[in-house]
Amino acid sequence: MIVLDASAALAYLLSEPGANLVQQNLSRSVMTSVNLIEVCRRLRRGLSQSQVDTVRASFALKLQTIEDVKRDDVSTASEIYFNFQKSHGISLGDAVCLAAGLRLNAEVWTTDAVWGSLPNVGTVRVIR
């Protein structure tokens, strides 16, 4: 199982570097609902809300599932955010993604190179 960060999903959706790797692994990938909101927010820059809804629905069907934030994720994400927001620029959405990866014992995929240097956040793969 793979947990996709918003940046990895956007690489696929916007045909950026790393898109092919994500495409090949969509059926075994999950995203948190929080990270999917981040994707929709970014897509809204160039698309109408109805277009974003269409893209989101199509994309979600290709994923294994959309993960809701669980109770245990709250504490873990809070700790990750506290530890790495200032030093590494980790956002709340990033922290939620990493917390889900830890809970699911899954590899987390991102395009954010700084994630590769984070200690104690599970397995991270920077896809470009």
N, C-alpha and C. Protein backbone atom coordinates (compact mmCIF):
# COMPACT_ATOMS: atom_id res chain seq x y z
N MET A 1 0.85 -1.18 0.00
CA MET A 1 0.00 0.00 0.00
C MET A 1 0.89 1.24 0.00
N ILE A 2 0.41 2.27 -0.68
CA ILE A 2 1.09 3.55 -0.80
C ILE A 2 0.13 4.64 -0.35
N VAL A 3 0.63 5.60 0.42
CA VAL A 3 -0.14 6.78 0.78
C VAL A 3 0.42 7.93 -0.07
N LEU A 4 -0.45 8.52 -0.88
CA LEU A 4 -0.02 9.63 -1.74
C LEU A 4 -0.21 10.96 -1.03
N ASP A 5 0.83 11.75 -1.04
CA ASP A 5 0.73 13.14 -0.61
C ASP A 5 0.06 13.92 -1.74
N ALA A 6 -0.48 15.09 -1.42
CA ALA A 6 -1.11 15.93 -2.45
C ALA A 6 -0.14 16.21 -3.59
N SER A 7 1.12 16.43 -3.29
CA SER A 7 2.08 16.75 -4.35
C SER A 7 2.27 15.59 -5.32
N ALA A 8 2.24 14.36 -4.83
CA ALA A 8 2.36 13.20 -5.71
C ALA A 8 1.11 13.05 -6.58
N ALA A 9 -0.05 13.27 -6.00
CA ALA A 9 -1.29 13.22 -6.78
C ALA A 9 -1.30 14.31 -7.84
N LEU A 10 -0.86 15.50 -7.48
CA LEU A 10 -0.82 16.60 -8.45
C LEU A 10 0.19 16.34 -9.55
N ALA A 11 1.29 15.68 -9.23
CA ALA A 11 2.25 15.32 -10.28
C ALA A 11 1.56 14.47 -11.33
N TYR A 12 0.75 13.52 -10.88
CA TYR A 12 0.00 12.67 -11.80
C TYR A 12 -1.05 13.48 -12.57
N LEU A 13 -1.85 14.24 -11.85
CA LEU A 13 -2.96 14.96 -12.47
C LEU A 13 -2.50 16.07 -13.43
N LEU A 14 -1.35 16.63 -13.17
CA LEU A 14 -0.84 17.73 -13.99
C LEU A 14 0.27 17.28 -14.95
N SER A 15 0.46 15.96 -15.05
CA SER A 15 1.48 15.37 -15.95
C SER A 15 2.87 15.94 -15.70
N GLU A 16 3.22 16.05 -14.45
CA GLU A 16 4.53 16.53 -14.04
C GLU A 16 5.47 15.34 -13.87
N PRO A 17 6.78 15.60 -13.69
CA PRO A 17 7.71 14.49 -13.42
C PRO A 17 7.22 13.64 -12.24
N GLY A 18 7.29 12.34 -12.40
CA GLY A 18 6.79 11.39 -11.42
C GLY A 18 5.39 10.89 -11.74
N ALA A 19 4.72 11.49 -12.72
CA ALA A 19 3.35 11.12 -13.07
C ALA A 19 3.23 9.64 -13.45
N ASN A 20 4.15 9.15 -14.26
CA ASN A 20 4.07 7.76 -14.71
C ASN A 20 4.18 6.78 -13.55
N LEU A 21 5.07 7.07 -12.61
CA LEU A 21 5.22 6.19 -11.45
C LEU A 21 3.94 6.14 -10.63
N VAL A 22 3.33 7.30 -10.40
CA VAL A 22 2.07 7.34 -9.66
C VAL A 22 0.99 6.58 -10.43
N GLN A 23 0.90 6.84 -11.73
CA GLN A 23 -0.12 6.18 -12.55
C GLN A 23 -0.02 4.66 -12.46
N GLN A 24 1.18 4.14 -12.48
CA GLN A 24 1.39 2.69 -12.43
C GLN A 24 0.98 2.08 -11.08
N ASN A 25 0.82 2.91 -10.07
CA ASN A 25 0.56 2.40 -8.72
C ASN A 25 -0.73 2.92 -8.10
N LEU A 26 -1.60 3.54 -8.89
CA LEU A 26 -2.82 4.12 -8.35
C LEU A 26 -3.72 3.09 -7.66
N SER A 27 -3.84 1.92 -8.22
CA SER A 27 -4.78 0.94 -7.67
C SER A 27 -4.35 0.42 -6.30
N ARG A 28 -3.11 0.61 -5.94
CA ARG A 28 -2.66 0.21 -4.60
C ARG A 28 -2.32 1.42 -3.73
N SER A 29 -2.86 2.57 -4.12
CA SER A 29 -2.60 3.82 -3.41
C SER A 29 -3.85 4.33 -2.70
N VAL A 30 -3.61 5.02 -1.60
CA VAL A 30 -4.67 5.69 -0.86
C VAL A 30 -4.26 7.15 -0.68
N MET A 31 -5.25 7.97 -0.38
CA MET A 31 -5.01 9.36 0.00
C MET A 31 -5.89 9.67 1.19
N THR A 32 -5.43 10.57 2.03
CA THR A 32 -6.31 11.03 3.10
C THR A 32 -7.28 12.05 2.52
N SER A 33 -8.41 12.17 3.15
CA SER A 33 -9.39 13.16 2.71
C SER A 33 -8.80 14.57 2.79
N VAL A 34 -7.96 14.82 3.77
CA VAL A 34 -7.32 16.14 3.92
C VAL A 34 -6.44 16.44 2.72
N ASN A 35 -5.65 15.46 2.29
CA ASN A 35 -4.77 15.68 1.15
C ASN A 35 -5.54 15.80 -0.15
N LEU A 36 -6.68 15.14 -0.24
CA LEU A 36 -7.52 15.29 -1.43
C LEU A 36 -8.11 16.70 -1.48
N ILE A 37 -8.42 17.27 -0.34
CA ILE A 37 -8.87 18.66 -0.30
C ILE A 37 -7.76 19.58 -0.81
N GLU A 38 -6.52 19.30 -0.43
CA GLU A 38 -5.40 20.10 -0.92
C GLU A 38 -5.29 20.02 -2.44
N VAL A 39 -5.49 18.84 -2.99
CA VAL A 39 -5.45 18.66 -4.44
C VAL A 39 -6.54 19.50 -5.09
N CYS A 40 -7.74 19.41 -4.57
CA CYS A 40 -8.87 20.18 -5.13
C CYS A 40 -8.61 21.68 -5.04
N ARG A 41 -8.05 22.12 -3.95
CA ARG A 41 -7.74 23.54 -3.79
C ARG A 41 -6.77 24.00 -4.87
N ARG A 42 -5.76 23.19 -5.15
CA ARG A 42 -4.78 23.55 -6.18
C ARG A 42 -5.41 23.52 -7.58
N LEU A 43 -6.23 22.52 -7.87
CA LEU A 43 -6.87 22.42 -9.17
C LEU A 43 -7.83 23.58 -9.42
N ARG A 44 -8.38 24.11 -8.35
CA ARG A 44 -9.35 25.21 -8.47
C ARG A 44 -8.73 26.47 -9.06
N ARG A 45 -7.41 26.57 -9.04
CA ARG A 45 -6.74 27.73 -9.62
C ARG A 45 -7.04 27.89 -11.10
N GLY A 46 -7.22 26.76 -11.81
CA GLY A 46 -7.43 26.84 -13.25
C GLY A 46 -8.73 26.24 -13.75
N LEU A 47 -9.49 25.64 -12.84
CA LEU A 47 -10.71 24.95 -13.23
C LEU A 47 -11.90 25.48 -12.44
N SER A 48 -13.08 25.33 -13.00
CA SER A 48 -14.31 25.65 -12.26
C SER A 48 -14.53 24.57 -11.20
N GLN A 49 -15.39 24.86 -10.24
CA GLN A 49 -15.67 23.88 -9.20
C GLN A 49 -16.26 22.60 -9.78
N SER A 50 -17.11 22.70 -10.77
CA SER A 50 -17.69 21.49 -11.37
C SER A 50 -16.62 20.68 -12.10
N GLN A 51 -15.66 21.34 -12.73
CA GLN A 51 -14.56 20.62 -13.36
C GLN A 51 -13.68 19.92 -12.32
N VAL A 52 -13.41 20.61 -11.23
CA VAL A 52 -12.63 20.01 -10.14
C VAL A 52 -13.37 18.79 -9.59
N ASP A 53 -14.67 18.91 -9.41
CA ASP A 53 -15.46 17.78 -8.90
C ASP A 53 -15.37 16.58 -9.83
N THR A 54 -15.38 16.82 -11.13
CA THR A 54 -15.26 15.73 -12.11
C THR A 54 -13.89 15.07 -12.04
N VAL A 55 -12.85 15.89 -11.98
CA VAL A 55 -11.48 15.35 -11.88
C VAL A 55 -11.33 14.56 -10.58
N ARG A 56 -11.82 15.13 -9.47
CA ARG A 56 -11.71 14.46 -8.17
C ARG A 56 -12.41 13.11 -8.19
N ALA A 57 -13.62 13.07 -8.72
CA ALA A 57 -14.38 11.81 -8.75
C ALA A 57 -13.67 10.76 -9.59
N SER A 58 -13.17 11.15 -10.74
CA SER A 58 -12.45 10.23 -11.61
C SER A 58 -11.18 9.72 -10.94
N PHE A 59 -10.44 10.62 -10.33
CA PHE A 59 -9.20 10.26 -9.65
C PHE A 59 -9.47 9.32 -8.49
N ALA A 60 -10.47 9.63 -7.69
CA ALA A 60 -10.80 8.81 -6.51
C ALA A 60 -11.15 7.38 -6.89
N LEU A 61 -11.79 7.20 -8.04
CA LEU A 61 -12.14 5.85 -8.50
C LEU A 61 -10.91 5.00 -8.83
N LYS A 62 -9.81 5.65 -9.14
CA LYS A 62 -8.58 4.93 -9.48
C LYS A 62 -7.78 4.51 -8.25
N LEU A 63 -8.08 5.12 -7.12
CA LEU A 63 -7.38 4.82 -5.88
C LEU A 63 -7.97 3.60 -5.19
N GLN A 64 -7.17 2.99 -4.34
CA GLN A 64 -7.69 1.89 -3.53
C GLN A 64 -8.78 2.42 -2.60
N THR A 65 -8.53 3.57 -1.98
CA THR A 65 -9.53 4.18 -1.11
C THR A 65 -9.10 5.60 -0.74
N ILE A 66 -10.06 6.34 -0.21
CA ILE A 66 -9.80 7.63 0.42
C ILE A 66 -9.88 7.37 1.92
N GLU A 67 -8.81 7.67 2.62
CA GLU A 67 -8.72 7.42 4.06
C GLU A 67 -9.23 8.62 4.85
N ASP A 68 -10.17 8.41 5.72
CA ASP A 68 -10.57 9.45 6.65
C ASP A 68 -9.50 9.58 7.73
N VAL A 69 -9.40 10.73 8.32
CA VAL A 69 -8.48 10.94 9.42
C VAL A 69 -9.03 10.20 10.64
N LYS A 70 -8.20 9.39 11.23
CA LYS A 70 -8.61 8.59 12.40
C LYS A 70 -8.17 9.28 13.69
N ARG A 71 -8.76 8.86 14.77
CA ARG A 71 -8.46 9.45 16.08
C ARG A 71 -6.96 9.41 16.39
N ASP A 72 -6.32 8.29 16.14
CA ASP A 72 -4.88 8.18 16.42
C ASP A 72 -4.05 9.09 15.52
N ASP A 73 -4.55 9.38 14.32
CA ASP A 73 -3.83 10.27 13.41
C ASP A 73 -3.70 11.67 14.00
N VAL A 74 -4.67 12.10 14.78
CA VAL A 74 -4.67 13.45 15.33
C VAL A 74 -3.43 13.67 16.19
N SER A 75 -3.18 12.78 17.10
CA SER A 75 -2.03 12.90 17.99
C SER A 75 -0.72 12.78 17.22
N THR A 76 -0.65 11.80 16.33
CA THR A 76 0.57 11.59 15.55
C THR A 76 0.85 12.78 14.65
N ALA A 77 -0.17 13.27 13.96
CA ALA A 77 0.01 14.42 13.06
C ALA A 77 0.41 15.66 13.85
N SER A 78 -0.18 15.84 15.01
CA SER A 78 0.17 16.98 15.85
C SER A 78 1.64 16.93 16.24
N GLU A 79 2.11 15.77 16.60
CA GLU A 79 3.52 15.60 16.99
C GLU A 79 4.45 15.85 15.79
N ILE A 80 4.10 15.30 14.64
CA ILE A 80 4.91 15.52 13.43
C ILE A 80 4.95 17.01 13.09
N TYR A 81 3.82 17.65 13.13
CA TYR A 81 3.75 19.08 12.83
C TYR A 81 4.60 19.88 13.81
N PHE A 82 4.47 19.59 15.09
CA PHE A 82 5.24 20.29 16.12
C PHE A 82 6.73 20.12 15.90
N ASN A 83 7.14 18.90 15.57
CA ASN A 83 8.57 18.60 15.42
C ASN A 83 9.20 19.16 14.14
N PHE A 84 8.41 19.29 13.07
CA PHE A 84 9.03 19.59 11.78
C PHE A 84 8.48 20.80 11.04
N GLN A 85 7.51 21.51 11.61
CA GLN A 85 6.95 22.65 10.88
C GLN A 85 8.00 23.73 10.69
N LYS A 86 8.66 24.13 11.74
CA LYS A 86 9.65 25.21 11.63
C LYS A 86 10.92 24.75 10.92
N SER A 87 11.40 23.59 11.25
CA SER A 87 12.68 23.14 10.70
C SER A 87 12.60 22.65 9.26
N HIS A 88 11.44 22.11 8.85
CA HIS A 88 11.32 21.50 7.52
C HIS A 88 10.14 22.04 6.71
N GLY A 89 9.36 22.94 7.27
CA GLY A 89 8.23 23.51 6.54
C GLY A 89 7.06 22.56 6.36
N ILE A 90 6.94 21.58 7.24
CA ILE A 90 5.85 20.61 7.15
C ILE A 90 4.53 21.29 7.48
N SER A 91 3.54 21.12 6.61
CA SER A 91 2.21 21.69 6.83
C SER A 91 1.35 20.70 7.61
N LEU A 92 0.17 21.15 8.02
CA LEU A 92 -0.75 20.24 8.69
C LEU A 92 -1.16 19.09 7.77
N GLY A 93 -1.41 19.40 6.49
CA GLY A 93 -1.76 18.35 5.53
C GLY A 93 -0.64 17.33 5.38
N ASP A 94 0.61 17.83 5.34
CA ASP A 94 1.76 16.93 5.27
C ASP A 94 1.80 16.02 6.49
N ALA A 95 1.58 16.61 7.66
CA ALA A 95 1.61 15.84 8.90
C ALA A 95 0.52 14.77 8.93
N VAL A 96 -0.66 15.10 8.43
CA VAL A 96 -1.76 14.13 8.37
C VAL A 96 -1.38 12.97 7.44
N CYS A 97 -0.80 13.29 6.30
CA CYS A 97 -0.38 12.26 5.35
C CYS A 97 0.65 11.32 5.99
N LEU A 98 1.64 11.89 6.63
CA LEU A 98 2.67 11.07 7.28
C LEU A 98 2.09 10.25 8.42
N ALA A 99 1.15 10.81 9.17
CA ALA A 99 0.50 10.06 10.26
C ALA A 99 -0.28 8.87 9.70
N ALA A 100 -0.98 9.07 8.60
CA ALA A 100 -1.71 7.96 7.97
C ALA A 100 -0.74 6.89 7.49
N GLY A 101 0.38 7.30 6.93
CA GLY A 101 1.38 6.33 6.49
C GLY A 101 1.88 5.48 7.64
N LEU A 102 2.13 6.11 8.78
CA LEU A 102 2.57 5.35 9.96
C LEU A 102 1.48 4.39 10.42
N ARG A 103 0.24 4.88 10.50
CA ARG A 103 -0.86 4.02 10.97
C ARG A 103 -1.06 2.82 10.06
N LEU A 104 -0.95 3.05 8.76
CA LEU A 104 -1.19 1.98 7.79
C LEU A 104 0.06 1.15 7.50
N ASN A 105 1.18 1.54 8.11
CA ASN A 105 2.46 0.89 7.84
C ASN A 105 2.74 0.85 6.34
N ALA A 106 2.53 1.99 5.72
CA ALA A 106 2.64 2.11 4.26
C ALA A 106 3.73 3.11 3.89
N GLU A 107 4.25 2.96 2.69
CA GLU A 107 5.19 3.92 2.15
C GLU A 107 4.42 5.18 1.75
N VAL A 108 4.96 6.34 2.06
CA VAL A 108 4.35 7.61 1.69
C VAL A 108 5.13 8.19 0.51
N TRP A 109 4.39 8.57 -0.54
CA TRP A 109 5.01 9.15 -1.73
C TRP A 109 4.74 10.65 -1.78
N THR A 110 5.76 11.40 -2.12
CA THR A 110 5.68 12.85 -2.20
C THR A 110 6.65 13.36 -3.26
N THR A 111 6.52 14.63 -3.62
CA THR A 111 7.53 15.27 -4.45
C THR A 111 8.38 16.22 -3.62
N ASP A 112 8.07 16.33 -2.34
CA ASP A 112 8.79 17.24 -1.45
C ASP A 112 10.08 16.59 -0.95
N ALA A 113 11.20 17.01 -1.53
CA ALA A 113 12.49 16.39 -1.23
C ALA A 113 12.84 16.43 0.25
N VAL A 114 12.40 17.46 0.96
CA VAL A 114 12.74 17.60 2.37
C VAL A 114 12.20 16.44 3.21
N TRP A 115 11.14 15.80 2.76
CA TRP A 115 10.57 14.68 3.52
C TRP A 115 11.56 13.53 3.65
N GLY A 116 12.46 13.40 2.69
CA GLY A 116 13.44 12.32 2.74
C GLY A 116 14.39 12.41 3.92
N SER A 117 14.49 13.59 4.53
CA SER A 117 15.40 13.77 5.67
C SER A 117 14.69 13.77 7.02
N LEU A 118 13.40 13.50 7.03
CA LEU A 118 12.64 13.50 8.29
C LEU A 118 12.85 12.19 9.05
N PRO A 119 13.28 12.26 10.29
CA PRO A 119 13.43 11.03 11.07
C PRO A 119 12.11 10.60 11.72
N ASN A 120 11.97 9.31 11.88
CA ASN A 120 10.86 8.74 12.65
C ASN A 120 9.48 9.04 12.09
N VAL A 121 9.35 9.10 10.76
CA VAL A 121 8.03 9.33 10.15
C VAL A 121 7.65 8.18 9.21
N GLY A 122 8.33 7.06 9.33
CA GLY A 122 8.03 5.92 8.48
C GLY A 122 8.83 5.98 7.19
N THR A 123 8.36 5.23 6.22
CA THR A 123 9.06 5.12 4.94
C THR A 123 8.51 6.15 3.97
N VAL A 124 9.39 6.99 3.46
CA VAL A 124 9.01 8.06 2.53
C VAL A 124 9.78 7.85 1.23
N ARG A 125 9.07 8.01 0.13
CA ARG A 125 9.70 7.94 -1.19
C ARG A 125 9.45 9.26 -1.91
N VAL A 126 10.52 9.94 -2.23
CA VAL A 126 10.43 11.17 -3.01
C VAL A 126 10.45 10.74 -4.48
N ILE A 127 9.37 11.02 -5.21
CA ILE A 127 9.18 10.43 -6.54
C ILE A 127 9.84 11.20 -7.67
N ARG A 128 10.48 12.31 -7.36
CA ARG A 128 11.27 13.01 -8.39
C ARG A 128 12.41 13.76 -7.79
